[in-house]
Amino acid sequence: MPLLPALGTQRQVDLLTDKFTESVYVLANEPSVALYRLQEHVRRSLPELAQHKADMQRWEEQSQGAIYTVEYACSAVKSLMDSSVYFRSVEGLLKQAISIRDHMNNSAQGHR
């Protein structure tokens, strides 16, 4: 940039620093620099994000296992509750068998 003799030295210095600042700003914000900064950010952040992803997958597997266990336990409890009808039936049959046995024992003792 040619220096203009009509302008004062201070004005020339101001113009020169303004142009220099503008050039640095353009260079600092050039797309390739932005992509470099983005690449550096990804390079720094990616290992931590990968670890978080692995942790989340492990926690998901553990929670899926726990959910399966709870569902299986609920199913077992429901089956037990549904089988109470059969237990009551068996209880009634056992009482009848005991009553018949006692009746037979009493009959056998009476014949002696």
PDB file of N, CA and C in Angstrom:
ATOM      1  N   MET A   1       0.855  -1.170   0.000  1.00  0.00           N
ATOM      2  CA  MET A   1       0.000   0.000   0.000  1.00  0.00           C
ATOM      3  C   MET A   1       0.900   1.231   0.000  1.00  0.00           C
ATOM      4  N   PRO A   2       0.813   2.028  -1.025  1.00  0.00           N
ATOM      5  CA  PRO A   2       1.676   3.221  -1.065  1.00  0.00           C
ATOM      6  C   PRO A   2       1.200   4.241  -0.044  1.00  0.00           C
ATOM      7  N   LEU A   3       2.162   4.844   0.583  1.00  0.00           N
ATOM      8  CA  LEU A   3       1.814   5.855   1.575  1.00  0.00           C
ATOM      9  C   LEU A   3       1.492   7.158   0.854  1.00  0.00           C
ATOM     10  N   LEU A   4       0.445   7.781   1.276  1.00  0.00           N
ATOM     11  CA  LEU A   4       0.027   9.022   0.635  1.00  0.00           C
ATOM     12  C   LEU A   4       0.656  10.201   1.370  1.00  0.00           C
ATOM     13  N   PRO A   5       1.394  11.045   0.637  1.00  0.00           N
ATOM     14  CA  PRO A   5       2.064  12.156   1.314  1.00  0.00           C
ATOM     15  C   PRO A   5       1.098  13.198   1.849  1.00  0.00           C
ATOM     16  N   ALA A   6      -0.117  13.280   1.297  1.00  0.00           N
ATOM     17  CA  ALA A   6      -1.053  14.297   1.749  1.00  0.00           C
ATOM     18  C   ALA A   6      -1.610  13.974   3.122  1.00  0.00           C
ATOM     19  N   LEU A   7      -1.664  12.704   3.468  1.00  0.00           N
ATOM     20  CA  LEU A   7      -2.210  12.325   4.766  1.00  0.00           C
ATOM     21  C   LEU A   7      -1.116  12.412   5.815  1.00  0.00           C
ATOM     22  N   GLY A   8      -1.527  12.689   7.015  1.00  0.00           N
ATOM     23  CA  GLY A   8      -0.552  12.751   8.090  1.00  0.00           C
ATOM     24  C   GLY A   8      -0.061  11.355   8.453  1.00  0.00           C
ATOM     25  N   THR A   9       1.056  11.314   9.129  1.00  0.00           N
ATOM     26  CA  THR A   9       1.661  10.039   9.514  1.00  0.00           C
ATOM     27  C   THR A   9       0.718   9.230  10.390  1.00  0.00           C
ATOM     28  N   GLN A  10       0.058   9.873  11.312  1.00  0.00           N
ATOM     29  CA  GLN A  10      -0.873   9.156  12.203  1.00  0.00           C
ATOM     30  C   GLN A  10      -2.010   8.538  11.401  1.00  0.00           C
ATOM     31  N   ARG A  11      -2.511   9.259  10.452  1.00  0.00           N
ATOM     32  CA  ARG A  11      -3.607   8.754   9.612  1.00  0.00           C
ATOM     33  C   ARG A  11      -3.130   7.563   8.799  1.00  0.00           C
ATOM     34  N   GLN A  12      -1.910   7.639   8.297  1.00  0.00           N
ATOM     35  CA  GLN A  12      -1.351   6.529   7.532  1.00  0.00           C
ATOM     36  C   GLN A  12      -1.181   5.293   8.424  1.00  0.00           C
ATOM     37  N   VAL A  13      -0.735   5.504   9.641  1.00  0.00           N
ATOM     38  CA  VAL A  13      -0.572   4.395  10.595  1.00  0.00           C
ATOM     39  C   VAL A  13      -1.934   3.789  10.905  1.00  0.00           C
ATOM     40  N   ASP A  14      -2.937   4.633  11.112  1.00  0.00           N
ATOM     41  CA  ASP A  14      -4.288   4.130  11.394  1.00  0.00           C
ATOM     42  C   ASP A  14      -4.817   3.291  10.226  1.00  0.00           C
ATOM     43  N   LEU A  15      -4.635   3.787   8.998  1.00  0.00           N
ATOM     44  CA  LEU A  15      -5.084   3.028   7.826  1.00  0.00           C
ATOM     45  C   LEU A  15      -4.352   1.695   7.722  1.00  0.00           C
ATOM     46  N   LEU A  16      -3.052   1.736   7.948  1.00  0.00           N
ATOM     47  CA  LEU A  16      -2.250   0.521   7.867  1.00  0.00           C
ATOM     48  C   LEU A  16      -2.687  -0.500   8.917  1.00  0.00           C
ATOM     49  N   THR A  17      -2.903  -0.058  10.155  1.00  0.00           N
ATOM     50  CA  THR A  17      -3.329  -0.997  11.206  1.00  0.00           C
ATOM     51  C   THR A  17      -4.740  -1.511  10.931  1.00  0.00           C
ATOM     52  N   ASP A  18      -5.616  -0.659  10.400  1.00  0.00           N
ATOM     53  CA  ASP A  18      -6.964  -1.126  10.055  1.00  0.00           C
ATOM     54  C   ASP A  18      -6.902  -2.211   8.980  1.00  0.00           C
ATOM     55  N   LYS A  19      -6.104  -1.985   7.944  1.00  0.00           N
ATOM     56  CA  LYS A  19      -5.970  -2.977   6.872  1.00  0.00           C
ATOM     57  C   LYS A  19      -5.340  -4.262   7.410  1.00  0.00           C
ATOM     58  N   PHE A  20      -4.350  -4.124   8.264  1.00  0.00           N
ATOM     59  CA  PHE A  20      -3.696  -5.301   8.852  1.00  0.00           C
ATOM     60  C   PHE A  20      -4.695  -6.088   9.709  1.00  0.00           C
ATOM     61  N   THR A  21      -5.471  -5.375  10.534  1.00  0.00           N
ATOM     62  CA  THR A  21      -6.477  -6.026  11.375  1.00  0.00           C
ATOM     63  C   THR A  21      -7.515  -6.733  10.515  1.00  0.00           C
ATOM     64  N   GLU A  22      -7.939  -6.086   9.459  1.00  0.00           N
ATOM     65  CA  GLU A  22      -8.920  -6.698   8.563  1.00  0.00           C
ATOM     66  C   GLU A  22      -8.349  -7.956   7.915  1.00  0.00           C
ATOM     67  N   SER A  23      -7.095  -7.900   7.507  1.00  0.00           N
ATOM     68  CA  SER A  23      -6.456  -9.071   6.890  1.00  0.00           C
ATOM     69  C   SER A  23      -6.358 -10.228   7.881  1.00  0.00           C
ATOM     70  N   VAL A  24      -5.959  -9.917   9.112  1.00  0.00           N
ATOM     71  CA  VAL A  24      -5.867 -10.961  10.143  1.00  0.00           C
ATOM     72  C   VAL A  24      -7.250 -11.538  10.421  1.00  0.00           C
ATOM     73  N   TYR A  25      -8.266 -10.693  10.480  1.00  0.00           N
ATOM     74  CA  TYR A  25      -9.634 -11.152  10.723  1.00  0.00           C
ATOM     75  C   TYR A  25     -10.090 -12.084   9.598  1.00  0.00           C
ATOM     76  N   VAL A  26      -9.819 -11.707   8.355  1.00  0.00           N
ATOM     77  CA  VAL A  26     -10.205 -12.536   7.211  1.00  0.00           C
ATOM     78  C   VAL A  26      -9.473 -13.866   7.267  1.00  0.00           C
ATOM     79  N   LEU A  27      -8.182 -13.843   7.550  1.00  0.00           N
ATOM     80  CA  LEU A  27      -7.418 -15.086   7.632  1.00  0.00           C
ATOM     81  C   LEU A  27      -7.904 -15.968   8.781  1.00  0.00           C
ATOM     82  N   ALA A  28      -8.204 -15.344   9.920  1.00  0.00           N
ATOM     83  CA  ALA A  28      -8.643 -16.111  11.088  1.00  0.00           C
ATOM     84  C   ALA A  28     -10.010 -16.741  10.871  1.00  0.00           C
ATOM     85  N   ASN A  29     -10.813 -16.127  10.015  1.00  0.00           N
ATOM     86  CA  ASN A  29     -12.164 -16.638   9.784  1.00  0.00           C
ATOM     87  C   ASN A  29     -12.322 -17.306   8.424  1.00  0.00           C
ATOM     88  N   GLU A  30     -11.228 -17.608   7.794  1.00  0.00           N
ATOM     89  CA  GLU A  30     -11.281 -18.296   6.518  1.00  0.00           C
ATOM     90  C   GLU A  30     -11.870 -19.693   6.741  1.00  0.00           C
ATOM     91  N   PRO A  31     -12.632 -20.215   5.789  1.00  0.00           N
ATOM     92  CA  PRO A  31     -13.284 -21.518   5.969  1.00  0.00           C
ATOM     93  C   PRO A  31     -12.332 -22.647   6.348  1.00  0.00           C
ATOM     94  N   SER A  32     -11.137 -22.684   5.775  1.00  0.00           N
ATOM     95  CA  SER A  32     -10.219 -23.773   6.114  1.00  0.00           C
ATOM     96  C   SER A  32      -9.787 -23.693   7.574  1.00  0.00           C
ATOM     97  N   VAL A  33      -9.661 -22.479   8.103  1.00  0.00           N
ATOM     98  CA  VAL A  33      -9.316 -22.326   9.520  1.00  0.00           C
ATOM     99  C   VAL A  33     -10.489 -22.782  10.382  1.00  0.00           C
ATOM    100  N   ALA A  34     -11.694 -22.441   9.964  1.00  0.00           N
ATOM    101  CA  ALA A  34     -12.874 -22.876  10.712  1.00  0.00           C
ATOM    102  C   ALA A  34     -12.968 -24.393  10.701  1.00  0.00           C
ATOM    103  N   LEU A  35     -12.703 -25.001   9.547  1.00  0.00           N
ATOM    104  CA  LEU A  35     -12.734 -26.462   9.476  1.00  0.00           C
ATOM    105  C   LEU A  35     -11.644 -27.079  10.346  1.00  0.00           C
ATOM    106  N   TYR A  36     -10.477 -26.453  10.390  1.00  0.00           N
ATOM    107  CA  TYR A  36      -9.403 -26.941  11.255  1.00  0.00           C
ATOM    108  C   TYR A  36      -9.840 -26.885  12.713  1.00  0.00           C
ATOM    109  N   ARG A  37     -10.454 -25.771  13.103  1.00  0.00           N
ATOM    110  CA  ARG A  37     -10.924 -25.648  14.488  1.00  0.00           C
ATOM    111  C   ARG A  37     -11.991 -26.695  14.797  1.00  0.00           C
ATOM    112  N   LEU A  38     -12.874 -26.921  13.849  1.00  0.00           N
ATOM    113  CA  LEU A  38     -13.906 -27.946  14.022  1.00  0.00           C
ATOM    114  C   LEU A  38     -13.269 -29.328  14.152  1.00  0.00           C
ATOM    115  N   GLN A  39     -12.275 -29.596  13.315  1.00  0.00           N
ATOM    116  CA  GLN A  39     -11.572 -30.879  13.377  1.00  0.00           C
ATOM    117  C   GLN A  39     -10.891 -31.054  14.737  1.00  0.00           C
ATOM    118  N   GLU A  40     -10.260 -30.030  15.227  1.00  0.00           N
ATOM    119  CA  GLU A  40      -9.606 -30.105  16.538  1.00  0.00           C
ATOM    120  C   GLU A  40     -10.627 -30.346  17.647  1.00  0.00           C
ATOM    121  N   HIS A  41     -11.765 -29.680  17.551  1.00  0.00           N
ATOM    122  CA  HIS A  41     -12.817 -29.877  18.557  1.00  0.00           C
ATOM    123  C   HIS A  41     -13.309 -31.324  18.531  1.00  0.00           C
ATOM    124  N   VAL A  42     -13.549 -31.843  17.339  1.00  0.00           N
ATOM    125  CA  VAL A  42     -14.016 -33.230  17.212  1.00  0.00           C
ATOM    126  C   VAL A  42     -12.952 -34.186  17.738  1.00  0.00           C
ATOM    127  N   ARG A  43     -11.698 -33.943  17.402  1.00  0.00           N
ATOM    128  CA  ARG A  43     -10.605 -34.808  17.857  1.00  0.00           C
ATOM    129  C   ARG A  43     -10.522 -34.838  19.377  1.00  0.00           C
ATOM    130  N   ARG A  44     -10.738 -33.708  20.018  1.00  0.00           N
ATOM    131  CA  ARG A  44     -10.694 -33.653  21.486  1.00  0.00           C
ATOM    132  C   ARG A  44     -11.949 -34.257  22.108  1.00  0.00           C
ATOM    133  N   SER A  45     -13.098 -34.051  21.490  1.00  0.00           N
ATOM    134  CA  SER A  45     -14.373 -34.471  22.079  1.00  0.00           C
ATOM    135  C   SER A  45     -14.738 -35.919  21.787  1.00  0.00           C
ATOM    136  N   LEU A  46     -14.286 -36.455  20.679  1.00  0.00           N
ATOM    137  CA  LEU A  46     -14.725 -37.773  20.237  1.00  0.00           C
ATOM    138  C   LEU A  46     -14.427 -38.898  21.227  1.00  0.00           C
ATOM    139  N   PRO A  47     -13.234 -38.986  21.815  1.00  0.00           N
ATOM    140  CA  PRO A  47     -12.993 -40.094  22.761  1.00  0.00           C
ATOM    141  C   PRO A  47     -13.961 -40.079  23.947  1.00  0.00           C
ATOM    142  N   GLU A  48     -14.230 -38.907  24.472  1.00  0.00           N
ATOM    143  CA  GLU A  48     -15.161 -38.807  25.598  1.00  0.00           C
ATOM    144  C   GLU A  48     -16.579 -39.194  25.165  1.00  0.00           C
ATOM    145  N   LEU A  49     -16.990 -38.735  23.994  1.00  0.00           N
ATOM    146  CA  LEU A  49     -18.318 -39.097  23.486  1.00  0.00           C
ATOM    147  C   LEU A  49     -18.420 -40.600  23.226  1.00  0.00           C
ATOM    148  N   ALA A  50     -17.350 -41.193  22.709  1.00  0.00           N
ATOM    149  CA  ALA A  50     -17.354 -42.643  22.469  1.00  0.00           C
ATOM    150  C   ALA A  50     -17.471 -43.398  23.788  1.00  0.00           C
ATOM    151  N   GLN A  51     -16.789 -42.914  24.824  1.00  0.00           N
ATOM    152  CA  GLN A  51     -16.877 -43.552  26.141  1.00  0.00           C
ATOM    153  C   GLN A  51     -18.292 -43.430  26.701  1.00  0.00           C
ATOM    154  N   HIS A  52     -18.897 -42.257  26.546  1.00  0.00           N
ATOM    155  CA  HIS A  52     -20.283 -42.073  27.008  1.00  0.00           C
ATOM    156  C   HIS A  52     -21.228 -43.022  26.267  1.00  0.00           C
ATOM    157  N   LYS A  53     -21.012 -43.170  24.972  1.00  0.00           N
ATOM    158  CA  LYS A  53     -21.859 -44.074  24.188  1.00  0.00           C
ATOM    159  C   LYS A  53     -21.706 -45.507  24.687  1.00  0.00           C
ATOM    160  N   ALA A  54     -20.469 -45.930  24.928  1.00  0.00           N
ATOM    161  CA  ALA A  54     -20.233 -47.292  25.423  1.00  0.00           C
ATOM    162  C   ALA A  54     -20.884 -47.487  26.789  1.00  0.00           C
ATOM    163  N   ASP A  55     -20.764 -46.480  27.659  1.00  0.00           N
ATOM    164  CA  ASP A  55     -21.395 -46.559  28.985  1.00  0.00           C
ATOM    165  C   ASP A  55     -22.911 -46.681  28.853  1.00  0.00           C
ATOM    166  N   MET A  56     -23.494 -45.872  27.984  1.00  0.00           N
ATOM    167  CA  MET A  56     -24.946 -45.902  27.801  1.00  0.00           C
ATOM    168  C   MET A  56     -25.398 -47.259  27.259  1.00  0.00           C
ATOM    169  N   GLN A  57     -24.632 -47.835  26.339  1.00  0.00           N
ATOM    170  CA  GLN A  57     -24.995 -49.146  25.808  1.00  0.00           C
ATOM    171  C   GLN A  57     -24.914 -50.215  26.893  1.00  0.00           C
ATOM    172  N   ARG A  58     -23.875 -50.136  27.736  1.00  0.00           N
ATOM    173  CA  ARG A  58     -23.737 -51.101  28.829  1.00  0.00           C
ATOM    174  C   ARG A  58     -24.893 -50.955  29.811  1.00  0.00           C
ATOM    175  N   TRP A  59     -25.259 -49.725  30.140  1.00  0.00           N
ATOM    176  CA  TRP A  59     -26.375 -49.489  31.067  1.00  0.00           C
ATOM    177  C   TRP A  59     -27.687 -49.973  30.455  1.00  0.00           C
ATOM    178  N   GLU A  60     -27.837 -49.796  29.152  1.00  0.00           N
ATOM    179  CA  GLU A  60     -29.052 -50.268  28.491  1.00  0.00           C
ATOM    180  C   GLU A  60     -29.147 -51.788  28.578  1.00  0.00           C
ATOM    181  N   GLU A  61     -28.015 -52.472  28.342  1.00  0.00           N
ATOM    182  CA  GLU A  61     -28.015 -53.933  28.440  1.00  0.00           C
ATOM    183  C   GLU A  61     -28.364 -54.382  29.855  1.00  0.00           C
ATOM    184  N   GLN A  62     -27.777 -53.712  30.850  1.00  0.00           N
ATOM    185  CA  GLN A  62     -28.059 -54.079  32.242  1.00  0.00           C
ATOM    186  C   GLN A  62     -29.523 -53.832  32.575  1.00  0.00           C
ATOM    187  N   SER A  63     -30.052 -52.707  32.129  1.00  0.00           N
ATOM    188  CA  SER A  63     -31.452 -52.408  32.445  1.00  0.00           C
ATOM    189  C   SER A  63     -32.384 -53.358  31.704  1.00  0.00           C
ATOM    190  N   GLN A  64     -32.035 -53.762  30.487  1.00  0.00           N
ATOM    191  CA  GLN A  64     -32.854 -54.734  29.765  1.00  0.00           C
ATOM    192  C   GLN A  64     -32.866 -56.065  30.514  1.00  0.00           C
ATOM    193  N   GLY A  65     -31.707 -56.456  31.063  1.00  0.00           N
ATOM    194  CA  GLY A  65     -31.647 -57.679  31.860  1.00  0.00           C
ATOM    195  C   GLY A  65     -32.509 -57.574  33.100  1.00  0.00           C
ATOM    196  N   ALA A  66     -32.459 -56.429  33.763  1.00  0.00           N
ATOM    197  CA  ALA A  66     -33.272 -56.225  34.969  1.00  0.00           C
ATOM    198  C   ALA A  66     -34.756 -56.230  34.621  1.00  0.00           C
ATOM    199  N   ILE A  67     -35.112 -55.610  33.518  1.00  0.00           N
ATOM    200  CA  ILE A  67     -36.521 -55.586  33.092  1.00  0.00           C
ATOM    201  C   ILE A  67     -37.002 -57.005  32.815  1.00  0.00           C
ATOM    202  N   TYR A  68     -36.180 -57.804  32.141  1.00  0.00           N
ATOM    203  CA  TYR A  68     -36.552 -59.188  31.861  1.00  0.00           C
ATOM    204  C   TYR A  68     -36.757 -59.952  33.169  1.00  0.00           C
ATOM    205  N   THR A  69     -35.858 -59.749  34.133  1.00  0.00           N
ATOM    206  CA  THR A  69     -35.971 -60.438  35.421  1.00  0.00           C
ATOM    207  C   THR A  69     -37.259 -60.054  36.128  1.00  0.00           C
ATOM    208  N   VAL A  70     -37.582 -58.776  36.146  1.00  0.00           N
ATOM    209  CA  VAL A  70     -38.805 -58.315  36.812  1.00  0.00           C
ATOM    210  C   VAL A  70     -40.040 -58.869  36.099  1.00  0.00           C
ATOM    211  N   GLU A  71     -40.036 -58.839  34.774  1.00  0.00           N
ATOM    212  CA  GLU A  71     -41.181 -59.374  34.034  1.00  0.00           C
ATOM    213  C   GLU A  71     -41.353 -60.867  34.298  1.00  0.00           C
ATOM    214  N   TYR A  72     -40.243 -61.593  34.370  1.00  0.00           N
ATOM    215  CA  TYR A  72     -40.304 -63.027  34.642  1.00  0.00           C
ATOM    216  C   TYR A  72     -40.844 -63.275  36.049  1.00  0.00           C
ATOM    217  N   ALA A  73     -40.381 -62.478  37.024  1.00  0.00           N
ATOM    218  CA  ALA A  73     -40.868 -62.623  38.401  1.00  0.00           C
ATOM    219  C   ALA A  73     -42.364 -62.311  38.476  1.00  0.00           C
ATOM    220  N   CYS A  74     -42.800 -61.270  37.798  1.00  0.00           N
ATOM    221  CA  CYS A  74     -44.235 -60.926  37.786  1.00  0.00           C
ATOM    222  C   CYS A  74     -45.052 -62.056  37.170  1.00  0.00           C
ATOM    223  N   SER A  75     -44.539 -62.643  36.116  1.00  0.00           N
ATOM    224  CA  SER A  75     -45.229 -63.760  35.473  1.00  0.00           C
ATOM    225  C   SER A  75     -45.321 -64.950  36.422  1.00  0.00           C
ATOM    226  N   ALA A  76     -44.240 -65.216  37.162  1.00  0.00           N
ATOM    227  CA  ALA A  76     -44.251 -66.331  38.116  1.00  0.00           C
ATOM    228  C   ALA A  76     -45.261 -66.085  39.229  1.00  0.00           C
ATOM    229  N   VAL A  77     -45.312 -64.860  39.748  1.00  0.00           N
ATOM    230  CA  VAL A  77     -46.268 -64.529  40.809  1.00  0.00           C
ATOM    231  C   VAL A  77     -47.695 -64.662  40.285  1.00  0.00           C
ATOM    232  N   LYS A  78     -47.938 -64.188  39.074  1.00  0.00           N
ATOM    233  CA  LYS A  78     -49.285 -64.312  38.488  1.00  0.00           C
ATOM    234  C   LYS A  78     -49.662 -65.779  38.331  1.00  0.00           C
ATOM    235  N   SER A  79     -48.718 -66.596  37.891  1.00  0.00           N
ATOM    236  CA  SER A  79     -48.994 -68.029  37.746  1.00  0.00           C
ATOM    237  C   SER A  79     -49.331 -68.655  39.091  1.00  0.00           C
ATOM    238  N   LEU A  80     -48.600 -68.251  40.139  1.00  0.00           N
ATOM    239  CA  LEU A  80     -48.905 -68.767  41.481  1.00  0.00           C
ATOM    240  C   LEU A  80     -50.294 -68.334  41.921  1.00  0.00           C
ATOM    241  N   MET A  81     -50.631 -67.088  41.661  1.00  0.00           N
ATOM    242  CA  MET A  81     -51.959 -66.606  42.053  1.00  0.00           C
ATOM    243  C   MET A  81     -53.046 -67.345  41.273  1.00  0.00           C
ATOM    244  N   ASP A  82     -52.805 -67.598  39.993  1.00  0.00           N
ATOM    245  CA  ASP A  82     -53.783 -68.330  39.184  1.00  0.00           C
ATOM    246  C   ASP A  82     -53.916 -69.779  39.639  1.00  0.00           C
ATOM    247  N   SER A  83     -52.849 -70.342  40.192  1.00  0.00           N
ATOM    248  CA  SER A  83     -52.895 -71.744  40.624  1.00  0.00           C
ATOM    249  C   SER A  83     -53.562 -71.909  41.987  1.00  0.00           C
ATOM    250  N   SER A  84     -53.942 -70.820  42.633  1.00  0.00           N
ATOM    251  CA  SER A  84     -54.592 -70.935  43.947  1.00  0.00           C
ATOM    252  C   SER A  84     -55.894 -71.724  43.846  1.00  0.00           C
ATOM    253  N   VAL A  85     -56.566 -71.661  42.708  1.00  0.00           N
ATOM    254  CA  VAL A  85     -57.791 -72.442  42.493  1.00  0.00           C
ATOM    255  C   VAL A  85     -57.468 -73.928  42.615  1.00  0.00           C
ATOM    256  N   TYR A  86     -56.378 -74.338  42.006  1.00  0.00           N
ATOM    257  CA  TYR A  86     -55.988 -75.752  42.049  1.00  0.00           C
ATOM    258  C   TYR A  86     -55.571 -76.163  43.461  1.00  0.00           C
ATOM    259  N   PHE A  87     -54.874 -75.268  44.166  1.00  0.00           N
ATOM    260  CA  PHE A  87     -54.482 -75.578  45.545  1.00  0.00           C
ATOM    261  C   PHE A  87     -55.718 -75.757  46.424  1.00  0.00           C
ATOM    262  N   ARG A  88     -56.717 -74.902  46.231  1.00  0.00           N
ATOM    263  CA  ARG A  88     -57.951 -75.051  47.016  1.00  0.00           C
ATOM    264  C   ARG A  88     -58.645 -76.373  46.681  1.00  0.00           C
ATOM    265  N   SER A  89     -58.629 -76.748  45.418  1.00  0.00           N
ATOM    266  CA  SER A  89     -59.228 -78.021  45.014  1.00  0.00           C
ATOM    267  C   SER A  89     -58.486 -79.193  45.651  1.00  0.00           C
ATOM    268  N   VAL A  90     -57.155 -79.144  45.626  1.00  0.00           N
ATOM    269  CA  VAL A  90     -56.348 -80.202  46.251  1.00  0.00           C
ATOM    270  C   VAL A  90     -56.609 -80.238  47.748  1.00  0.00           C
ATOM    271  N   GLU A  91     -56.718 -79.062  48.361  1.00  0.00           N
ATOM    272  CA  GLU A  91     -56.999 -79.005  49.800  1.00  0.00           C
ATOM    273  C   GLU A  91     -58.344 -79.680  50.109  1.00  0.00           C
ATOM    274  N   GLY A  92     -59.348 -79.388  49.302  1.00  0.00           N
ATOM    275  CA  GLY A  92     -60.662 -80.010  49.499  1.00  0.00           C
ATOM    276  C   GLY A  92     -60.599 -81.521  49.336  1.00  0.00           C
ATOM    277  N   LEU A  93     -59.870 -81.973  48.309  1.00  0.00           N
ATOM    278  CA  LEU A  93     -59.737 -83.417  48.095  1.00  0.00           C
ATOM    279  C   LEU A  93     -58.986 -84.085  49.240  1.00  0.00           C
ATOM    280  N   LEU A  94     -57.953 -83.417  49.766  1.00  0.00           N
ATOM    281  CA  LEU A  94     -57.218 -83.971  50.915  1.00  0.00           C
ATOM    282  C   LEU A  94     -58.126 -84.070  52.138  1.00  0.00           C
ATOM    283  N   LYS A  95     -58.937 -83.048  52.358  1.00  0.00           N
ATOM    284  CA  LYS A  95     -59.866 -83.097  53.496  1.00  0.00           C
ATOM    285  C   LYS A  95     -60.850 -84.251  53.325  1.00  0.00           C
ATOM    286  N   GLN A  96     -61.326 -84.445  52.104  1.00  0.00           N
ATOM    287  CA  GLN A  96     -62.241 -85.568  51.852  1.00  0.00           C
ATOM    288  C   GLN A  96     -61.535 -86.897  52.103  1.00  0.00           C
ATOM    289  N   ALA A  97     -60.291 -87.001  51.644  1.00  0.00           N
ATOM    290  CA  ALA A  97     -59.542 -88.244  51.834  1.00  0.00           C
ATOM    291  C   ALA A  97     -59.312 -88.514  53.311  1.00  0.00           C
ATOM    292  N   ILE A  98     -58.979 -87.473  54.078  1.00  0.00           N
ATOM    293  CA  ILE A  98     -58.779 -87.638  55.522  1.00  0.00           C
ATOM    294  C   ILE A  98     -60.087 -88.056  56.175  1.00  0.00           C
ATOM    295  N   SER A  99     -61.176 -87.449  55.764  1.00  0.00           N
ATOM    296  CA  SER A  99     -62.486 -87.790  56.324  1.00  0.00           C
ATOM    297  C   SER A  99     -62.842 -89.240  56.008  1.00  0.00           C
ATOM    298  N   ILE A 100     -62.593 -89.668  54.774  1.00  0.00           N
ATOM    299  CA  ILE A 100     -62.872 -91.055  54.389  1.00  0.00           C
ATOM    300  C   ILE A 100     -61.978 -92.009  55.175  1.00  0.00           C
ATOM    301  N   ARG A 101     -60.706 -91.654  55.334  1.00  0.00           N
ATOM    302  CA  ARG A 101     -59.783 -92.485  56.108  1.00  0.00           C
ATOM    303  C   ARG A 101     -60.268 -92.622  57.539  1.00  0.00           C
ATOM    304  N   ASP A 102     -60.639 -91.470  58.149  1.00  0.00           N
ATOM    305  CA  ASP A 102     -61.131 -91.517  59.527  1.00  0.00           C
ATOM    306  C   ASP A 102     -62.399 -92.367  59.610  1.00  0.00           C
ATOM    307  N   HIS A 103     -63.273 -92.221  58.654  1.00  0.00           N
ATOM    308  CA  HIS A 103     -64.509 -93.008  58.634  1.00  0.00           C
ATOM    309  C   HIS A 103     -64.192 -94.501  58.505  1.00  0.00           C
ATOM    310  N   MET A 104     -63.227 -94.825  57.633  1.00  0.00           N
ATOM    311  CA  MET A 104     -62.837 -96.228  57.467  1.00  0.00           C
ATOM    312  C   MET A 104     -62.179 -96.770  58.726  1.00  0.00           C
ATOM    313  N   ASN A 105     -61.360 -95.944  59.383  1.00  0.00           N
ATOM    314  CA  ASN A 105     -60.717 -96.377  60.628  1.00  0.00           C
ATOM    315  C   ASN A 105     -61.767 -96.620  61.703  1.00  0.00           C
ATOM    316  N   ASN A 106     -62.738 -95.723  61.788  1.00  0.00           N
ATOM    317  CA  ASN A 106     -63.801 -95.889  62.785  1.00  0.00           C
ATOM    318  C   ASN A 106     -64.635 -97.134  62.478  1.00  0.00           C
ATOM    319  N   SER A 107     -64.892 -97.377  61.208  1.00  0.00           N
ATOM    320  CA  SER A 107     -65.666 -98.562  60.819  1.00  0.00           C
ATOM    321  C   SER A 107     -64.882 -99.833  61.132  1.00  0.00           C
ATOM    322  N   ALA A 108     -63.581 -99.796  60.885  1.00  0.00           N
ATOM    323  CA  ALA A 108     -62.743-100.966  61.141  1.00  0.00           C
ATOM    324  C   ALA A 108     -62.660-101.244  62.632  1.00  0.00           C
ATOM    325  N   GLN A 109     -62.633-100.214  63.446  1.00  0.00           N
ATOM    326  CA  GLN A 109     -62.568-100.411  64.902  1.00  0.00           C
ATOM    327  C   GLN A 109     -63.906-100.918  65.434  1.00  0.00           C
ATOM    328  N   GLY A 110     -64.982-100.547  64.826  1.00  0.00           N
ATOM    329  CA  GLY A 110     -66.301-100.978  65.259  1.00  0.00           C
ATOM    330  C   GLY A 110     -66.539-102.443  64.945  1.00  0.00           C
ATOM    331  N   HIS A 111     -65.895-102.996  63.963  1.00  0.00           N
ATOM    332  CA  HIS A 111     -66.064-104.393  63.585  1.00  0.00           C
ATOM    333  C   HIS A 111     -65.182-105.303  64.410  1.00  0.00           C
ATOM    334  N   ARG A 112     -64.346-104.825  65.187  1.00  0.00           N
ATOM    335  CA  ARG A 112     -63.469-105.670  65.988  1.00  0.00           C
ATOM    336  C   ARG A 112     -64.130-106.134  67.203  1.00  0.00           C
TER     337      ARG A 112
END
